Amino acid sequence: MIGVIMRYGGDTVEIRVDDSEVVFRTTKFGGQFTNIKGLRLSKSGVIKEFPDLKNNPDWRNLACMRFRKKMKKMKSEEDRINYIIKDLSKFGYVPLYLQKKGNRPIKI
């Protein structure tokens, strides 16, 4: 299990990767972890990543499915968390701490 704590504006976001399962938690939602389906996705953000979903009425489900498929294709938890950090950094998320296998968080 690898986790990362990131800041986005005034919110703190925690992301955990356990094998190919990725869960998210923010200070807004009372500290409960949720998978990609539980997140509020921006349609404009999804369209930037997947332009073919622009006119698809089922864009949200297809984007979630593609995210999960992409995570399963990656070889290790380390690859998955590095991809997530790199991808979210483009949208203004700032990585603060990295935690591996329950050890103390390390400042990034």
N, C-alpha and C. Protein backbone atom coordinates (compact mmCIF):
# COMPACT_ATOMS: atom_id res chain seq x y z
N MET A 1 0.83 -1.16 0.00
CA MET A 1 0.00 0.00 0.00
C MET A 1 0.89 1.24 0.00
N ILE A 2 0.57 2.16 -0.90
CA ILE A 2 1.26 3.44 -0.99
C ILE A 2 0.21 4.53 -0.96
N GLY A 3 0.47 5.57 -0.20
CA GLY A 3 -0.45 6.69 -0.13
C GLY A 3 0.27 8.00 -0.37
N VAL A 4 -0.47 8.98 -0.83
CA VAL A 4 0.07 10.32 -1.03
C VAL A 4 -0.97 11.31 -0.50
N ILE A 5 -0.46 12.36 0.14
CA ILE A 5 -1.32 13.43 0.62
C ILE A 5 -1.00 14.65 -0.23
N MET A 6 -2.05 15.24 -0.80
CA MET A 6 -1.89 16.39 -1.69
C MET A 6 -2.79 17.52 -1.22
N ARG A 7 -2.42 18.73 -1.59
CA ARG A 7 -3.24 19.90 -1.28
C ARG A 7 -3.77 20.47 -2.59
N TYR A 8 -5.06 20.81 -2.56
CA TYR A 8 -5.69 21.46 -3.70
C TYR A 8 -6.48 22.63 -3.15
N GLY A 9 -5.97 23.83 -3.33
CA GLY A 9 -6.60 25.00 -2.73
C GLY A 9 -6.55 24.87 -1.23
N GLY A 10 -7.71 24.91 -0.59
CA GLY A 10 -7.78 24.76 0.86
C GLY A 10 -8.07 23.35 1.31
N ASP A 11 -8.20 22.43 0.39
CA ASP A 11 -8.53 21.04 0.72
C ASP A 11 -7.30 20.15 0.75
N THR A 12 -7.37 19.15 1.61
CA THR A 12 -6.35 18.12 1.66
C THR A 12 -6.94 16.86 1.06
N VAL A 13 -6.21 16.24 0.15
CA VAL A 13 -6.68 15.04 -0.53
C VAL A 13 -5.70 13.92 -0.24
N GLU A 14 -6.22 12.77 0.17
CA GLU A 14 -5.38 11.60 0.39
C GLU A 14 -5.75 10.55 -0.65
N ILE A 15 -4.73 9.97 -1.26
CA ILE A 15 -4.94 8.95 -2.29
C ILE A 15 -4.14 7.72 -1.88
N ARG A 16 -4.78 6.59 -1.88
CA ARG A 16 -4.11 5.33 -1.54
C ARG A 16 -4.20 4.36 -2.72
N VAL A 17 -3.09 3.70 -2.94
CA VAL A 17 -3.03 2.67 -3.97
C VAL A 17 -2.69 1.36 -3.27
N ASP A 18 -3.59 0.40 -3.38
CA ASP A 18 -3.38 -0.93 -2.81
C ASP A 18 -3.57 -1.92 -3.95
N ASP A 19 -2.45 -2.42 -4.45
CA ASP A 19 -2.41 -3.24 -5.65
C ASP A 19 -2.95 -2.39 -6.80
N SER A 20 -4.06 -2.77 -7.45
CA SER A 20 -4.59 -1.94 -8.54
C SER A 20 -5.80 -1.12 -8.09
N GLU A 21 -6.16 -1.21 -6.81
CA GLU A 21 -7.28 -0.45 -6.26
C GLU A 21 -6.81 0.93 -5.81
N VAL A 22 -7.47 1.97 -6.31
CA VAL A 22 -7.13 3.35 -5.97
C VAL A 22 -8.33 3.97 -5.27
N VAL A 23 -8.10 4.52 -4.07
CA VAL A 23 -9.18 5.18 -3.33
C VAL A 23 -8.75 6.60 -2.96
N PHE A 24 -9.75 7.47 -2.81
CA PHE A 24 -9.53 8.88 -2.57
C PHE A 24 -10.30 9.32 -1.33
N ARG A 25 -9.73 10.32 -0.63
CA ARG A 25 -10.42 10.90 0.53
C ARG A 25 -10.08 12.38 0.59
N THR A 26 -11.08 13.21 0.84
CA THR A 26 -10.84 14.65 0.99
C THR A 26 -11.42 15.11 2.32
N THR A 27 -10.98 16.27 2.72
CA THR A 27 -11.52 16.86 3.95
C THR A 27 -12.97 17.28 3.76
N LYS A 28 -13.39 17.51 2.53
CA LYS A 28 -14.76 17.93 2.25
C LYS A 28 -15.79 16.84 2.58
N PHE A 29 -15.46 15.59 2.35
CA PHE A 29 -16.44 14.51 2.44
C PHE A 29 -16.38 13.75 3.76
N GLY A 30 -15.89 14.38 4.80
CA GLY A 30 -15.92 13.76 6.12
C GLY A 30 -14.90 12.67 6.32
N GLY A 31 -13.90 12.59 5.49
CA GLY A 31 -12.82 11.65 5.71
C GLY A 31 -13.11 10.21 5.34
N GLN A 32 -14.06 9.96 4.48
CA GLN A 32 -14.36 8.60 4.08
C GLN A 32 -13.75 8.32 2.71
N PHE A 33 -13.08 7.18 2.58
CA PHE A 33 -12.47 6.82 1.30
C PHE A 33 -13.53 6.39 0.30
N THR A 34 -13.29 6.74 -0.96
CA THR A 34 -14.18 6.32 -2.05
C THR A 34 -13.32 5.99 -3.27
N ASN A 35 -13.86 5.16 -4.13
CA ASN A 35 -13.14 4.85 -5.37
C ASN A 35 -13.44 5.94 -6.40
N ILE A 36 -12.98 5.77 -7.61
CA ILE A 36 -13.13 6.78 -8.65
C ILE A 36 -14.60 7.10 -8.94
N LYS A 37 -15.49 6.13 -8.78
CA LYS A 37 -16.92 6.37 -9.04
C LYS A 37 -17.54 7.33 -8.04
N GLY A 38 -16.97 7.43 -6.85
CA GLY A 38 -17.51 8.31 -5.83
C GLY A 38 -17.06 9.75 -5.94
N LEU A 39 -16.17 10.03 -6.86
CA LEU A 39 -15.65 11.39 -7.02
C LEU A 39 -16.54 12.22 -7.93
N ARG A 40 -16.50 13.52 -7.72
CA ARG A 40 -17.17 14.43 -8.64
C ARG A 40 -16.18 14.73 -9.75
N LEU A 41 -16.49 14.31 -10.94
CA LEU A 41 -15.60 14.53 -12.08
C LEU A 41 -16.07 15.72 -12.90
N SER A 42 -15.11 16.48 -13.36
CA SER A 42 -15.42 17.62 -14.22
C SER A 42 -15.50 17.12 -15.66
N LYS A 43 -16.59 17.42 -16.33
CA LYS A 43 -16.73 16.97 -17.71
C LYS A 43 -15.65 17.57 -18.59
N SER A 44 -15.30 18.83 -18.36
CA SER A 44 -14.25 19.45 -19.18
C SER A 44 -12.89 18.77 -18.94
N GLY A 45 -12.62 18.37 -17.69
CA GLY A 45 -11.38 17.65 -17.40
C GLY A 45 -11.34 16.28 -18.05
N VAL A 46 -12.48 15.59 -18.04
CA VAL A 46 -12.56 14.27 -18.67
C VAL A 46 -12.37 14.41 -20.17
N ILE A 47 -12.97 15.44 -20.76
CA ILE A 47 -12.85 15.64 -22.21
C ILE A 47 -11.41 15.96 -22.61
N LYS A 48 -10.67 16.67 -21.75
CA LYS A 48 -9.25 16.94 -22.04
C LYS A 48 -8.46 15.64 -22.11
N GLU A 49 -8.80 14.70 -21.22
CA GLU A 49 -8.10 13.41 -21.19
C GLU A 49 -8.62 12.47 -22.27
N PHE A 50 -9.93 12.47 -22.49
CA PHE A 50 -10.56 11.56 -23.45
C PHE A 50 -11.49 12.37 -24.37
N PRO A 51 -10.96 13.00 -25.41
CA PRO A 51 -11.78 13.85 -26.29
C PRO A 51 -12.95 13.11 -26.96
N ASP A 52 -12.83 11.81 -27.14
CA ASP A 52 -13.89 11.05 -27.81
C ASP A 52 -15.16 10.94 -26.95
N LEU A 53 -15.11 11.30 -25.67
CA LEU A 53 -16.28 11.21 -24.80
C LEU A 53 -17.12 12.49 -24.77
N LYS A 54 -16.75 13.47 -25.59
CA LYS A 54 -17.40 14.79 -25.55
C LYS A 54 -18.91 14.71 -25.71
N ASN A 55 -19.41 13.98 -26.65
CA ASN A 55 -20.84 13.91 -26.92
C ASN A 55 -21.49 12.62 -26.41
N ASN A 56 -20.76 11.85 -25.63
CA ASN A 56 -21.28 10.59 -25.12
C ASN A 56 -22.05 10.83 -23.83
N PRO A 57 -23.32 10.43 -23.77
CA PRO A 57 -24.10 10.66 -22.54
C PRO A 57 -23.60 9.84 -21.34
N ASP A 58 -22.87 8.78 -21.59
CA ASP A 58 -22.34 7.92 -20.52
C ASP A 58 -20.85 8.23 -20.26
N TRP A 59 -20.44 9.48 -20.45
CA TRP A 59 -19.04 9.88 -20.35
C TRP A 59 -18.43 9.56 -18.98
N ARG A 60 -19.21 9.74 -17.93
CA ARG A 60 -18.68 9.54 -16.58
C ARG A 60 -18.29 8.08 -16.33
N ASN A 61 -19.18 7.16 -16.63
CA ASN A 61 -18.91 5.73 -16.42
C ASN A 61 -17.75 5.25 -17.29
N LEU A 62 -17.72 5.71 -18.53
CA LEU A 62 -16.63 5.30 -19.43
C LEU A 62 -15.29 5.84 -18.94
N ALA A 63 -15.25 7.06 -18.42
CA ALA A 63 -14.01 7.63 -17.89
C ALA A 63 -13.53 6.83 -16.67
N CYS A 64 -14.44 6.45 -15.79
CA CYS A 64 -14.09 5.65 -14.62
C CYS A 64 -13.54 4.29 -15.04
N MET A 65 -14.19 3.69 -16.02
CA MET A 65 -13.76 2.39 -16.51
C MET A 65 -12.36 2.47 -17.13
N ARG A 66 -12.09 3.52 -17.90
CA ARG A 66 -10.78 3.70 -18.52
C ARG A 66 -9.70 3.94 -17.46
N PHE A 67 -10.03 4.69 -16.41
CA PHE A 67 -9.07 4.93 -15.33
C PHE A 67 -8.69 3.61 -14.66
N ARG A 68 -9.70 2.80 -14.33
CA ARG A 68 -9.43 1.51 -13.69
C ARG A 68 -8.59 0.60 -14.59
N LYS A 69 -8.92 0.60 -15.88
CA LYS A 69 -8.18 -0.23 -16.84
C LYS A 69 -6.73 0.23 -16.92
N LYS A 70 -6.51 1.54 -16.92
CA LYS A 70 -5.16 2.08 -16.98
C LYS A 70 -4.37 1.68 -15.73
N MET A 71 -5.01 1.73 -14.57
CA MET A 71 -4.33 1.36 -13.32
C MET A 71 -3.95 -0.12 -13.33
N LYS A 72 -4.81 -0.96 -13.88
CA LYS A 72 -4.51 -2.40 -13.91
C LYS A 72 -3.37 -2.73 -14.85
N LYS A 73 -3.19 -1.93 -15.92
CA LYS A 73 -2.12 -2.17 -16.88
C LYS A 73 -0.75 -1.85 -16.31
N MET A 74 -0.68 -0.93 -15.35
CA MET A 74 0.61 -0.55 -14.78
C MET A 74 1.15 -1.68 -13.92
N LYS A 75 2.47 -1.82 -13.91
CA LYS A 75 3.10 -2.98 -13.29
C LYS A 75 3.15 -2.95 -11.77
N SER A 76 3.31 -1.76 -11.17
CA SER A 76 3.49 -1.71 -9.72
C SER A 76 2.72 -0.56 -9.10
N GLU A 77 2.58 -0.63 -7.77
CA GLU A 77 1.94 0.44 -7.03
C GLU A 77 2.73 1.74 -7.20
N GLU A 78 4.04 1.62 -7.23
CA GLU A 78 4.91 2.79 -7.39
C GLU A 78 4.62 3.50 -8.72
N ASP A 79 4.47 2.73 -9.80
CA ASP A 79 4.13 3.32 -11.10
C ASP A 79 2.78 4.01 -11.05
N ARG A 80 1.82 3.40 -10.37
CA ARG A 80 0.47 3.96 -10.28
C ARG A 80 0.48 5.29 -9.52
N ILE A 81 1.15 5.32 -8.36
CA ILE A 81 1.14 6.54 -7.55
C ILE A 81 1.92 7.65 -8.25
N ASN A 82 3.01 7.30 -8.93
CA ASN A 82 3.78 8.32 -9.67
C ASN A 82 2.94 8.91 -10.81
N TYR A 83 2.18 8.07 -11.50
CA TYR A 83 1.28 8.55 -12.56
C TYR A 83 0.24 9.50 -11.98
N ILE A 84 -0.36 9.13 -10.86
CA ILE A 84 -1.40 9.95 -10.24
C ILE A 84 -0.83 11.30 -9.80
N ILE A 85 0.34 11.28 -9.18
CA ILE A 85 0.97 12.53 -8.74
C ILE A 85 1.25 13.43 -9.93
N LYS A 86 1.83 12.85 -10.97
CA LYS A 86 2.18 13.63 -12.17
C LYS A 86 0.92 14.19 -12.83
N ASP A 87 -0.11 13.37 -12.94
CA ASP A 87 -1.34 13.79 -13.61
C ASP A 87 -2.08 14.87 -12.82
N LEU A 88 -2.22 14.69 -11.52
CA LEU A 88 -2.95 15.67 -10.72
C LEU A 88 -2.17 16.97 -10.54
N SER A 89 -0.85 16.90 -10.61
CA SER A 89 -0.03 18.11 -10.50
C SER A 89 -0.32 19.08 -11.64
N LYS A 90 -0.69 18.54 -12.80
CA LYS A 90 -1.04 19.39 -13.95
C LYS A 90 -2.27 20.24 -13.66
N PHE A 91 -3.12 19.78 -12.76
CA PHE A 91 -4.37 20.48 -12.47
C PHE A 91 -4.31 21.29 -11.17
N GLY A 92 -3.12 21.51 -10.64
CA GLY A 92 -2.97 22.36 -9.47
C GLY A 92 -2.87 21.66 -8.14
N TYR A 93 -2.84 20.34 -8.13
CA TYR A 93 -2.66 19.60 -6.88
C TYR A 93 -1.18 19.62 -6.51
N VAL A 94 -0.90 19.86 -5.23
CA VAL A 94 0.49 19.94 -4.76
C VAL A 94 0.76 18.75 -3.84
N PRO A 95 1.69 17.85 -4.22
CA PRO A 95 2.00 16.70 -3.36
C PRO A 95 2.75 17.16 -2.11
N LEU A 96 2.32 16.65 -0.95
CA LEU A 96 2.95 17.02 0.31
C LEU A 96 3.72 15.87 0.94
N TYR A 97 3.06 14.71 1.08
CA TYR A 97 3.67 13.57 1.76
C TYR A 97 3.43 12.27 0.99
N LEU A 98 4.37 11.36 1.12
CA LEU A 98 4.26 10.03 0.54
C LEU A 98 4.42 9.02 1.66
N GLN A 99 3.56 8.02 1.71
CA GLN A 99 3.62 7.00 2.75
C GLN A 99 3.60 5.63 2.10
N LYS A 100 4.58 4.80 2.47
CA LYS A 100 4.67 3.45 1.91
C LYS A 100 4.49 2.41 2.99
N LYS A 101 3.59 1.47 2.73
CA LYS A 101 3.35 0.30 3.57
C LYS A 101 3.17 0.61 5.04
N GLY A 102 2.47 1.68 5.35
CA GLY A 102 2.16 1.99 6.74
C GLY A 102 3.28 2.67 7.51
N ASN A 103 4.40 2.91 6.88
CA ASN A 103 5.49 3.61 7.54
C ASN A 103 5.16 5.09 7.68
N ARG A 104 6.01 5.82 8.34
CA ARG A 104 5.79 7.25 8.52
C ARG A 104 5.77 7.96 7.17
N PRO A 105 4.93 8.98 7.07
CA PRO A 105 4.91 9.75 5.82
C PRO A 105 6.23 10.49 5.62
N ILE A 106 6.66 10.57 4.38
CA ILE A 106 7.90 11.26 4.00
C ILE A 106 7.49 12.51 3.24
N LYS A 107 8.05 13.65 3.63
CA LYS A 107 7.74 14.90 2.94
C LYS A 107 8.31 14.85 1.53
N ILE A 108 7.51 15.27 0.54
CA ILE A 108 7.95 15.26 -0.85
C ILE A 108 8.60 16.59 -1.16
